[in-house]
């Protein structure tokens, strides 16, 4: 991984490749953020990438949200970043009963909103995730889209911090 100062000098394709994985299966965020260079620090890079996300079309935002895996889904094919985050949060060690609760909440949430429940796994444990499911299920769709995008911002910041701490 190049340093931030090196990242600022990369051609657009290399810049995009270096930031792949920050936003789940959405390299277009990095691709578009390239035009906002240079970045003084990781915070300004994160802010620029989040601005790109928020300026995207509603369809692009929904595609980004839908690219995220269900929490605790043992059969899902996860990106390396998501796999590490779910492992660190304890989702890979759920009991059968906990796993069943996650599956039930995931199904109810998707049926209600049409996209997966998004919560920054690294900032939560399985019990707080289950409480968040219960608290958020009654929300309206617009609130959940806004909440999902805010959680994606948290995920992206932690991924950027990890990327540039190597």
N, C-alpha and C. Protein backbone atom coordinates (compact mmCIF):
# COMPACT_ATOMS: atom_id res chain seq x y z
N UNK A 1 0.84 -1.18 0.00
CA UNK A 1 0.00 0.00 0.00
C UNK A 1 0.88 1.24 0.00
N UNK A 2 0.61 2.15 -0.91
CA UNK A 2 1.38 3.39 -0.91
C UNK A 2 1.00 4.26 0.28
N UNK A 3 1.89 5.18 0.62
CA UNK A 3 1.57 6.16 1.65
C UNK A 3 0.50 7.11 1.10
N UNK A 4 -0.05 7.93 1.96
CA UNK A 4 -1.07 8.86 1.51
C UNK A 4 -0.49 9.85 0.50
N UNK A 5 0.72 10.31 0.73
CA UNK A 5 1.33 11.24 -0.23
C UNK A 5 1.58 10.55 -1.57
N UNK A 6 1.95 9.28 -1.55
CA UNK A 6 2.11 8.53 -2.79
C UNK A 6 0.75 8.29 -3.45
N UNK A 7 -0.26 7.98 -2.65
CA UNK A 7 -1.60 7.76 -3.18
C UNK A 7 -2.08 8.98 -3.96
N UNK A 8 -1.77 10.16 -3.45
CA UNK A 8 -2.18 11.41 -4.10
C UNK A 8 -1.60 11.57 -5.50
N UNK A 9 -0.51 10.88 -5.80
CA UNK A 9 0.16 11.04 -7.09
C UNK A 9 -0.16 9.92 -8.08
N UNK A 10 -0.90 8.93 -7.65
CA UNK A 10 -1.19 7.77 -8.51
C UNK A 10 -2.15 8.13 -9.63
N UNK A 11 -2.00 7.45 -10.78
CA UNK A 11 -3.03 7.59 -11.82
C UNK A 11 -4.36 7.04 -11.29
N UNK A 12 -5.45 7.43 -11.92
CA UNK A 12 -6.78 7.11 -11.42
C UNK A 12 -7.01 5.61 -11.23
N UNK A 13 -6.59 4.79 -12.17
CA UNK A 13 -6.82 3.34 -12.03
C UNK A 13 -6.04 2.77 -10.85
N UNK A 14 -4.80 3.19 -10.68
CA UNK A 14 -3.98 2.70 -9.56
C UNK A 14 -4.53 3.20 -8.23
N UNK A 15 -4.98 4.44 -8.20
CA UNK A 15 -5.60 5.02 -7.01
C UNK A 15 -6.83 4.19 -6.63
N UNK A 16 -7.66 3.90 -7.62
CA UNK A 16 -8.88 3.12 -7.40
C UNK A 16 -8.54 1.72 -6.89
N UNK A 17 -7.54 1.10 -7.49
CA UNK A 17 -7.12 -0.24 -7.06
C UNK A 17 -6.62 -0.23 -5.62
N UNK A 18 -5.88 0.81 -5.26
CA UNK A 18 -5.32 0.90 -3.90
C UNK A 18 -6.41 1.02 -2.85
N UNK A 19 -7.55 1.59 -3.23
CA UNK A 19 -8.64 1.80 -2.28
C UNK A 19 -9.78 0.79 -2.45
N UNK A 20 -9.57 -0.21 -3.27
CA UNK A 20 -10.58 -1.26 -3.45
C UNK A 20 -10.84 -1.91 -2.10
N UNK A 21 -12.09 -2.15 -1.81
CA UNK A 21 -12.45 -2.79 -0.54
C UNK A 21 -12.82 -1.83 0.56
N UNK A 22 -12.55 -0.55 0.39
CA UNK A 22 -12.93 0.40 1.44
C UNK A 22 -14.46 0.51 1.49
N UNK A 23 -15.08 0.63 0.33
CA UNK A 23 -16.53 0.60 0.22
C UNK A 23 -16.88 -0.72 -0.46
N UNK A 24 -17.67 -1.53 0.19
CA UNK A 24 -17.95 -2.91 -0.22
C UNK A 24 -18.38 -3.02 -1.69
N UNK A 25 -17.54 -3.64 -2.50
CA UNK A 25 -17.82 -3.88 -3.91
C UNK A 25 -18.25 -2.61 -4.65
N UNK A 26 -17.63 -1.49 -4.29
CA UNK A 26 -18.01 -0.20 -4.90
C UNK A 26 -16.75 0.60 -5.22
N UNK A 27 -15.95 0.08 -6.13
CA UNK A 27 -14.72 0.77 -6.52
C UNK A 27 -14.99 2.14 -7.13
N UNK A 28 -16.23 2.36 -7.58
CA UNK A 28 -16.59 3.64 -8.17
C UNK A 28 -16.41 4.79 -7.17
N UNK A 29 -16.48 4.51 -5.89
CA UNK A 29 -16.30 5.58 -4.89
C UNK A 29 -14.87 6.10 -4.96
N UNK A 30 -13.90 5.20 -4.94
CA UNK A 30 -12.50 5.62 -5.06
C UNK A 30 -12.21 6.25 -6.41
N UNK A 31 -12.78 5.66 -7.46
CA UNK A 31 -12.57 6.18 -8.81
C UNK A 31 -12.99 7.65 -8.90
N UNK A 32 -14.15 7.96 -8.34
CA UNK A 32 -14.64 9.35 -8.38
C UNK A 32 -13.91 10.26 -7.40
N UNK A 33 -13.49 9.71 -6.27
CA UNK A 33 -12.78 10.53 -5.28
C UNK A 33 -11.42 10.99 -5.79
N UNK A 34 -10.85 10.27 -6.75
CA UNK A 34 -9.55 10.62 -7.31
C UNK A 34 -9.52 12.08 -7.77
N UNK A 35 -10.62 12.57 -8.31
CA UNK A 35 -10.66 13.94 -8.82
C UNK A 35 -10.58 14.98 -7.71
N UNK A 36 -10.74 14.56 -6.47
CA UNK A 36 -10.74 15.48 -5.33
C UNK A 36 -9.38 15.59 -4.64
N UNK A 37 -8.38 14.92 -5.22
CA UNK A 37 -7.03 14.95 -4.65
C UNK A 37 -6.47 16.37 -4.69
N UNK A 38 -5.46 16.65 -3.91
CA UNK A 38 -4.77 15.79 -2.94
C UNK A 38 -5.48 15.77 -1.58
N UNK A 39 -5.17 14.76 -0.82
CA UNK A 39 -5.74 14.59 0.51
C UNK A 39 -4.64 14.83 1.54
N UNK A 40 -4.91 15.72 2.47
CA UNK A 40 -3.92 16.07 3.49
C UNK A 40 -3.74 14.97 4.53
N UNK A 41 -4.81 14.23 4.77
CA UNK A 41 -4.75 13.18 5.78
C UNK A 41 -5.88 12.17 5.51
N UNK A 42 -5.89 11.12 6.31
CA UNK A 42 -6.90 10.07 6.12
C UNK A 42 -8.30 10.62 6.34
N UNK A 43 -8.44 11.57 7.24
CA UNK A 43 -9.75 12.16 7.50
C UNK A 43 -10.31 12.89 6.28
N UNK A 44 -9.46 13.61 5.56
CA UNK A 44 -9.95 14.31 4.37
C UNK A 44 -10.23 13.33 3.24
N UNK A 45 -9.45 12.27 3.15
CA UNK A 45 -9.73 11.22 2.16
C UNK A 45 -11.08 10.57 2.47
N UNK A 46 -11.29 10.24 3.73
CA UNK A 46 -12.56 9.63 4.14
C UNK A 46 -13.72 10.58 3.84
N UNK A 47 -13.58 11.84 4.18
CA UNK A 47 -14.65 12.81 3.93
C UNK A 47 -14.96 12.92 2.45
N UNK A 48 -13.93 12.91 1.62
CA UNK A 48 -14.13 12.99 0.17
C UNK A 48 -14.85 11.75 -0.35
N UNK A 49 -14.44 10.57 0.12
CA UNK A 49 -15.09 9.34 -0.33
C UNK A 49 -16.55 9.30 0.13
N UNK A 50 -16.81 9.77 1.33
CA UNK A 50 -18.19 9.80 1.82
C UNK A 50 -19.02 10.80 1.02
N UNK A 51 -18.43 11.93 0.66
CA UNK A 51 -19.14 12.90 -0.17
C UNK A 51 -19.50 12.29 -1.52
N UNK A 52 -18.58 11.54 -2.10
CA UNK A 52 -18.86 10.85 -3.36
C UNK A 52 -20.05 9.91 -3.18
N UNK A 53 -20.04 9.16 -2.09
CA UNK A 53 -21.13 8.23 -1.82
C UNK A 53 -22.46 8.98 -1.70
N UNK A 54 -22.48 10.07 -0.97
CA UNK A 54 -23.72 10.80 -0.76
C UNK A 54 -24.20 11.53 -2.02
N UNK A 55 -23.28 11.85 -2.92
CA UNK A 55 -23.65 12.52 -4.18
C UNK A 55 -24.10 11.52 -5.24
N UNK A 56 -23.94 10.25 -4.97
CA UNK A 56 -24.33 9.21 -5.93
C UNK A 56 -25.84 9.20 -6.10
N UNK A 57 -26.27 8.58 -7.18
CA UNK A 57 -27.70 8.45 -7.42
C UNK A 57 -28.32 7.53 -6.36
N UNK A 58 -29.62 7.61 -6.21
CA UNK A 58 -30.31 6.73 -5.27
C UNK A 58 -30.07 5.26 -5.63
N UNK A 59 -30.06 4.96 -6.92
CA UNK A 59 -29.81 3.59 -7.36
C UNK A 59 -28.43 3.11 -6.98
N UNK A 60 -27.43 3.97 -7.14
CA UNK A 60 -26.06 3.59 -6.75
C UNK A 60 -25.96 3.38 -5.25
N UNK A 61 -26.62 4.23 -4.49
CA UNK A 61 -26.59 4.05 -3.03
C UNK A 61 -27.22 2.72 -2.63
N UNK A 62 -28.35 2.40 -3.23
CA UNK A 62 -28.99 1.11 -2.92
C UNK A 62 -28.13 -0.07 -3.35
N UNK A 63 -27.48 0.05 -4.48
CA UNK A 63 -26.58 -1.02 -4.92
C UNK A 63 -25.44 -1.19 -3.92
N UNK A 64 -24.90 -0.09 -3.43
CA UNK A 64 -23.84 -0.14 -2.41
C UNK A 64 -24.36 -0.82 -1.15
N UNK A 65 -25.51 -0.43 -0.69
CA UNK A 65 -26.09 -1.02 0.52
C UNK A 65 -26.31 -2.53 0.31
N UNK A 66 -26.85 -2.87 -0.84
CA UNK A 66 -27.15 -4.29 -1.12
C UNK A 66 -25.89 -5.14 -1.31
N UNK A 67 -24.75 -4.51 -1.52
CA UNK A 67 -23.49 -5.26 -1.69
C UNK A 67 -22.98 -5.82 -0.37
N UNK A 68 -23.53 -5.36 0.73
CA UNK A 68 -23.07 -5.83 2.04
C UNK A 68 -23.71 -7.17 2.39
N UNK A 69 -22.94 -8.01 3.08
CA UNK A 69 -23.46 -9.33 3.45
C UNK A 69 -24.38 -9.23 4.67
N UNK A 70 -25.20 -10.25 4.83
CA UNK A 70 -26.00 -10.36 6.05
C UNK A 70 -25.06 -10.63 7.22
N UNK A 71 -25.37 -10.01 8.34
CA UNK A 71 -24.57 -10.25 9.54
C UNK A 71 -24.78 -11.67 10.04
N UNK A 72 -23.68 -12.36 10.30
CA UNK A 72 -23.76 -13.70 10.87
C UNK A 72 -24.13 -14.80 9.90
N UNK A 73 -24.18 -14.51 8.61
CA UNK A 73 -24.53 -15.54 7.63
C UNK A 73 -23.32 -16.43 7.39
N UNK A 74 -23.40 -17.64 7.84
CA UNK A 74 -22.27 -18.58 7.74
C UNK A 74 -22.02 -19.05 6.32
N UNK A 75 -23.01 -18.93 5.45
CA UNK A 75 -22.86 -19.44 4.09
C UNK A 75 -22.48 -18.36 3.09
N UNK A 76 -22.47 -17.11 3.54
CA UNK A 76 -22.18 -16.00 2.62
C UNK A 76 -20.72 -16.02 2.20
N UNK A 77 -20.49 -15.63 0.97
CA UNK A 77 -19.13 -15.40 0.49
C UNK A 77 -18.80 -13.96 0.83
N UNK A 78 -17.87 -13.78 1.74
CA UNK A 78 -17.55 -12.45 2.24
C UNK A 78 -16.29 -11.91 1.60
N UNK A 79 -16.25 -10.59 1.44
CA UNK A 79 -15.00 -9.95 1.03
C UNK A 79 -14.00 -10.17 2.16
N UNK A 80 -12.71 -10.08 1.88
CA UNK A 80 -11.73 -10.25 2.96
C UNK A 80 -11.96 -9.27 4.12
N UNK A 81 -12.36 -8.05 3.77
CA UNK A 81 -12.61 -7.04 4.80
C UNK A 81 -13.80 -7.42 5.67
N UNK A 82 -14.90 -7.83 5.04
CA UNK A 82 -16.09 -8.22 5.80
C UNK A 82 -15.84 -9.47 6.63
N UNK A 83 -15.11 -10.41 6.08
CA UNK A 83 -14.80 -11.64 6.83
C UNK A 83 -14.02 -11.30 8.10
N UNK A 84 -13.03 -10.44 7.99
CA UNK A 84 -12.22 -10.06 9.16
C UNK A 84 -13.07 -9.30 10.18
N UNK A 85 -13.95 -8.44 9.70
CA UNK A 85 -14.80 -7.66 10.61
C UNK A 85 -15.80 -8.54 11.33
N UNK A 86 -16.41 -9.48 10.62
CA UNK A 86 -17.37 -10.37 11.27
C UNK A 86 -16.67 -11.30 12.26
N UNK A 87 -15.47 -11.73 11.90
CA UNK A 87 -14.69 -12.57 12.82
C UNK A 87 -14.35 -11.80 14.09
N UNK A 88 -13.86 -10.57 13.94
CA UNK A 88 -13.44 -9.76 15.08
C UNK A 88 -14.61 -9.42 16.01
N UNK A 89 -15.81 -9.31 15.45
CA UNK A 89 -16.97 -8.94 16.25
C UNK A 89 -17.60 -10.13 16.98
N UNK A 90 -17.15 -11.33 16.66
CA UNK A 90 -17.71 -12.53 17.30
C UNK A 90 -18.80 -13.21 16.50
N UNK A 91 -19.08 -12.72 15.29
CA UNK A 91 -20.15 -13.31 14.49
C UNK A 91 -19.82 -14.70 13.96
N UNK A 92 -18.56 -15.03 13.89
CA UNK A 92 -18.19 -16.37 13.41
C UNK A 92 -18.28 -17.40 14.53
N UNK A 93 -18.54 -16.95 15.77
CA UNK A 93 -18.61 -17.87 16.91
C UNK A 93 -19.99 -17.93 17.52
N UNK A 94 -21.01 -17.60 16.75
CA UNK A 94 -22.37 -17.62 17.28
C UNK A 94 -22.80 -19.04 17.65
N UNK A 95 -23.58 -19.13 18.72
CA UNK A 95 -24.21 -20.41 19.03
C UNK A 95 -25.28 -20.66 17.97
N UNK A 96 -25.79 -21.86 17.92
CA UNK A 96 -26.85 -22.18 16.95
C UNK A 96 -28.08 -21.31 17.19
N UNK A 97 -28.42 -21.10 18.44
CA UNK A 97 -29.57 -20.27 18.79
C UNK A 97 -29.36 -18.82 18.34
N UNK A 98 -28.17 -18.28 18.61
CA UNK A 98 -27.86 -16.91 18.18
C UNK A 98 -27.88 -16.80 16.65
N UNK A 99 -27.31 -17.80 16.01
CA UNK A 99 -27.30 -17.81 14.54
C UNK A 99 -28.72 -17.79 14.00
N UNK A 100 -29.60 -18.58 14.58
CA UNK A 100 -30.99 -18.62 14.15
C UNK A 100 -31.66 -17.27 14.34
N UNK A 101 -31.36 -16.59 15.45
CA UNK A 101 -31.94 -15.24 15.68
C UNK A 101 -31.44 -14.27 14.61
N UNK A 102 -30.15 -14.32 14.29
CA UNK A 102 -29.61 -13.44 13.25
C UNK A 102 -30.29 -13.72 11.92
N UNK A 103 -30.43 -14.99 11.58
CA UNK A 103 -31.07 -15.35 10.32
C UNK A 103 -32.51 -14.84 10.26
N UNK A 104 -33.22 -14.98 11.36
CA UNK A 104 -34.61 -14.50 11.43
C UNK A 104 -34.67 -12.98 11.26
N UNK A 105 -33.82 -12.27 11.99
CA UNK A 105 -33.79 -10.81 11.87
C UNK A 105 -33.37 -10.39 10.46
N UNK A 106 -32.35 -11.04 9.91
CA UNK A 106 -31.91 -10.71 8.54
C UNK A 106 -33.07 -10.86 7.56
N UNK A 107 -33.81 -11.95 7.67
CA UNK A 107 -34.94 -12.19 6.75
C UNK A 107 -36.04 -11.15 6.94
N UNK A 108 -36.37 -10.84 8.18
CA UNK A 108 -37.41 -9.84 8.45
C UNK A 108 -37.00 -8.47 7.95
N UNK A 109 -35.76 -8.12 8.18
CA UNK A 109 -35.26 -6.81 7.77
C UNK A 109 -35.27 -6.68 6.25
N UNK A 110 -34.75 -7.69 5.57
CA UNK A 110 -34.73 -7.66 4.10
C UNK A 110 -36.14 -7.62 3.52
N UNK A 111 -37.05 -8.37 4.12
CA UNK A 111 -38.43 -8.37 3.63
C UNK A 111 -39.06 -6.98 3.79
N UNK A 112 -38.73 -6.31 4.87
CA UNK A 112 -39.31 -4.98 5.14
C UNK A 112 -38.69 -3.89 4.29
N UNK A 113 -37.34 -3.92 4.12
CA UNK A 113 -36.65 -2.80 3.49
C UNK A 113 -36.09 -3.09 2.11
N UNK A 114 -35.88 -4.35 1.77
CA UNK A 114 -35.35 -4.68 0.46
C UNK A 114 -33.83 -4.62 0.35
N UNK A 115 -33.17 -4.56 1.47
CA UNK A 115 -31.71 -4.56 1.50
C UNK A 115 -31.26 -5.09 2.86
N UNK A 116 -29.97 -5.49 2.95
CA UNK A 116 -29.50 -6.07 4.22
C UNK A 116 -29.34 -5.03 5.32
N UNK A 117 -29.45 -5.50 6.53
CA UNK A 117 -29.20 -4.69 7.73
C UNK A 117 -27.72 -4.38 7.78
N UNK A 118 -27.38 -3.12 7.92
CA UNK A 118 -25.96 -2.73 7.97
C UNK A 118 -25.68 -2.09 9.31
N UNK A 119 -24.64 -2.60 9.93
CA UNK A 119 -24.15 -2.10 11.21
C UNK A 119 -22.65 -2.31 11.21
N UNK A 120 -21.91 -1.35 11.69
CA UNK A 120 -20.45 -1.50 11.73
C UNK A 120 -20.09 -2.59 12.74
N UNK A 121 -19.76 -3.77 12.22
CA UNK A 121 -19.51 -4.93 13.08
C UNK A 121 -18.37 -4.70 14.06
N UNK A 122 -17.32 -4.01 13.62
CA UNK A 122 -16.17 -3.82 14.50
C UNK A 122 -16.48 -2.97 15.73
N UNK A 123 -17.56 -2.21 15.68
CA UNK A 123 -17.93 -1.37 16.82
C UNK A 123 -19.04 -1.99 17.66
N UNK A 124 -19.35 -3.25 17.39
CA UNK A 124 -20.45 -3.93 18.09
C UNK A 124 -20.09 -5.37 18.39
N UNK A 125 -20.86 -5.95 19.28
CA UNK A 125 -20.76 -7.39 19.53
C UNK A 125 -22.11 -8.00 19.15
N UNK A 126 -22.19 -9.32 19.11
CA UNK A 126 -23.46 -9.93 18.67
C UNK A 126 -24.69 -9.46 19.45
N UNK A 127 -24.56 -9.28 20.74
CA UNK A 127 -25.74 -8.87 21.53
C UNK A 127 -26.18 -7.45 21.18
N UNK A 128 -25.23 -6.53 21.00
CA UNK A 128 -25.63 -5.17 20.62
C UNK A 128 -26.19 -5.14 19.20
N UNK A 129 -25.72 -6.04 18.34
CA UNK A 129 -26.28 -6.14 16.99
C UNK A 129 -27.73 -6.60 17.04
N UNK A 130 -28.01 -7.59 17.86
CA UNK A 130 -29.39 -8.07 17.98
C UNK A 130 -30.31 -6.98 18.53
N UNK A 131 -29.80 -6.20 19.50
CA UNK A 131 -30.60 -5.09 20.03
C UNK A 131 -30.84 -4.04 18.94
N UNK A 132 -29.82 -3.80 18.10
CA UNK A 132 -29.97 -2.82 17.02
C UNK A 132 -31.01 -3.29 16.00
N UNK A 133 -31.00 -4.58 15.67
CA UNK A 133 -32.04 -5.12 14.79
C UNK A 133 -33.42 -4.78 15.35
N UNK A 134 -33.64 -5.12 16.61
CA UNK A 134 -34.94 -4.89 17.24
C UNK A 134 -35.32 -3.41 17.22
N UNK A 135 -34.35 -2.56 17.50
CA UNK A 135 -34.63 -1.12 17.56
C UNK A 135 -34.91 -0.53 16.18
N UNK A 136 -34.24 -1.03 15.16
CA UNK A 136 -34.36 -0.43 13.83
C UNK A 136 -35.46 -1.01 12.96
N UNK A 137 -35.92 -2.21 13.23
CA UNK A 137 -36.97 -2.82 12.40
C UNK A 137 -38.24 -1.96 12.27
N UNK A 138 -38.66 -1.24 13.30
CA UNK A 138 -39.86 -0.40 13.15
C UNK A 138 -39.65 0.87 12.31
N UNK A 139 -38.41 1.22 12.00
CA UNK A 139 -38.14 2.45 11.26
C UNK A 139 -38.76 2.43 9.87
N UNK A 140 -38.85 3.61 9.26
CA UNK A 140 -39.29 3.68 7.87
C UNK A 140 -38.08 3.48 6.96
N UNK A 141 -38.34 3.25 5.70
CA UNK A 141 -37.29 2.92 4.74
C UNK A 141 -36.27 4.05 4.58
N UNK A 142 -36.73 5.29 4.53
CA UNK A 142 -35.81 6.42 4.35
C UNK A 142 -34.85 6.53 5.52
N UNK A 143 -35.37 6.31 6.72
CA UNK A 143 -34.51 6.34 7.91
C UNK A 143 -33.46 5.24 7.83
N UNK A 144 -33.87 4.06 7.39
CA UNK A 144 -32.93 2.95 7.30
C UNK A 144 -31.90 3.14 6.20
N UNK A 145 -32.27 3.76 5.11
CA UNK A 145 -31.26 4.07 4.08
C UNK A 145 -30.23 5.03 4.65
N UNK A 146 -30.69 6.08 5.32
CA UNK A 146 -29.76 7.04 5.93
C UNK A 146 -28.89 6.38 6.99
N UNK A 147 -29.49 5.51 7.79
CA UNK A 147 -28.73 4.81 8.84
C UNK A 147 -27.70 3.87 8.21
N UNK A 148 -28.09 3.16 7.17
CA UNK A 148 -27.15 2.25 6.50
C UNK A 148 -25.97 3.03 5.93
N UNK A 149 -26.23 4.17 5.31
CA UNK A 149 -25.13 4.98 4.76
C UNK A 149 -24.22 5.51 5.87
N UNK A 150 -24.79 5.88 7.00
CA UNK A 150 -23.98 6.33 8.13
C UNK A 150 -23.11 5.19 8.67
N UNK A 151 -23.66 3.99 8.71
CA UNK A 151 -22.87 2.83 9.15
C UNK A 151 -21.78 2.50 8.14
N UNK A 152 -22.07 2.65 6.87
CA UNK A 152 -21.06 2.43 5.82
C UNK A 152 -19.92 3.43 5.99
N UNK A 153 -20.24 4.67 6.35
CA UNK A 153 -19.19 5.66 6.62
C UNK A 153 -18.27 5.19 7.74
N UNK A 154 -18.84 4.65 8.82
CA UNK A 154 -18.03 4.14 9.94
C UNK A 154 -17.14 2.99 9.47
N UNK A 155 -17.72 2.07 8.71
CA UNK A 155 -16.97 0.92 8.21
C UNK A 155 -15.80 1.40 7.35
N UNK A 156 -16.09 2.35 6.45
CA UNK A 156 -15.04 2.87 5.55
C UNK A 156 -13.93 3.54 6.34
N UNK A 157 -14.28 4.30 7.37
CA UNK A 157 -13.24 4.98 8.15
C UNK A 157 -12.33 3.98 8.83
N UNK A 158 -12.91 2.95 9.43
CA UNK A 158 -12.08 1.94 10.09
C UNK A 158 -11.21 1.19 9.08
N UNK A 159 -11.75 0.92 7.90
CA UNK A 159 -10.95 0.26 6.86
C UNK A 159 -9.82 1.15 6.38
N UNK A 160 -10.08 2.43 6.20
CA UNK A 160 -9.01 3.36 5.80
C UNK A 160 -7.94 3.46 6.89
N UNK A 161 -8.37 3.59 8.13
CA UNK A 161 -7.40 3.65 9.23
C UNK A 161 -6.52 2.42 9.26
N UNK A 162 -7.12 1.26 9.04
CA UNK A 162 -6.35 0.01 9.04
C UNK A 162 -5.41 -0.03 7.85
N UNK A 163 -5.89 0.40 6.70
CA UNK A 163 -5.08 0.38 5.48
C UNK A 163 -3.84 1.25 5.63
N UNK A 164 -4.00 2.42 6.22
CA UNK A 164 -2.87 3.34 6.32
C UNK A 164 -2.06 3.15 7.60
N UNK A 165 -2.42 2.20 8.44
CA UNK A 165 -1.62 1.91 9.63
C UNK A 165 -0.63 0.78 9.38
N UNK A 166 -0.70 0.18 8.19
CA UNK A 166 0.18 -0.96 7.87
C UNK A 166 1.59 -0.49 7.65
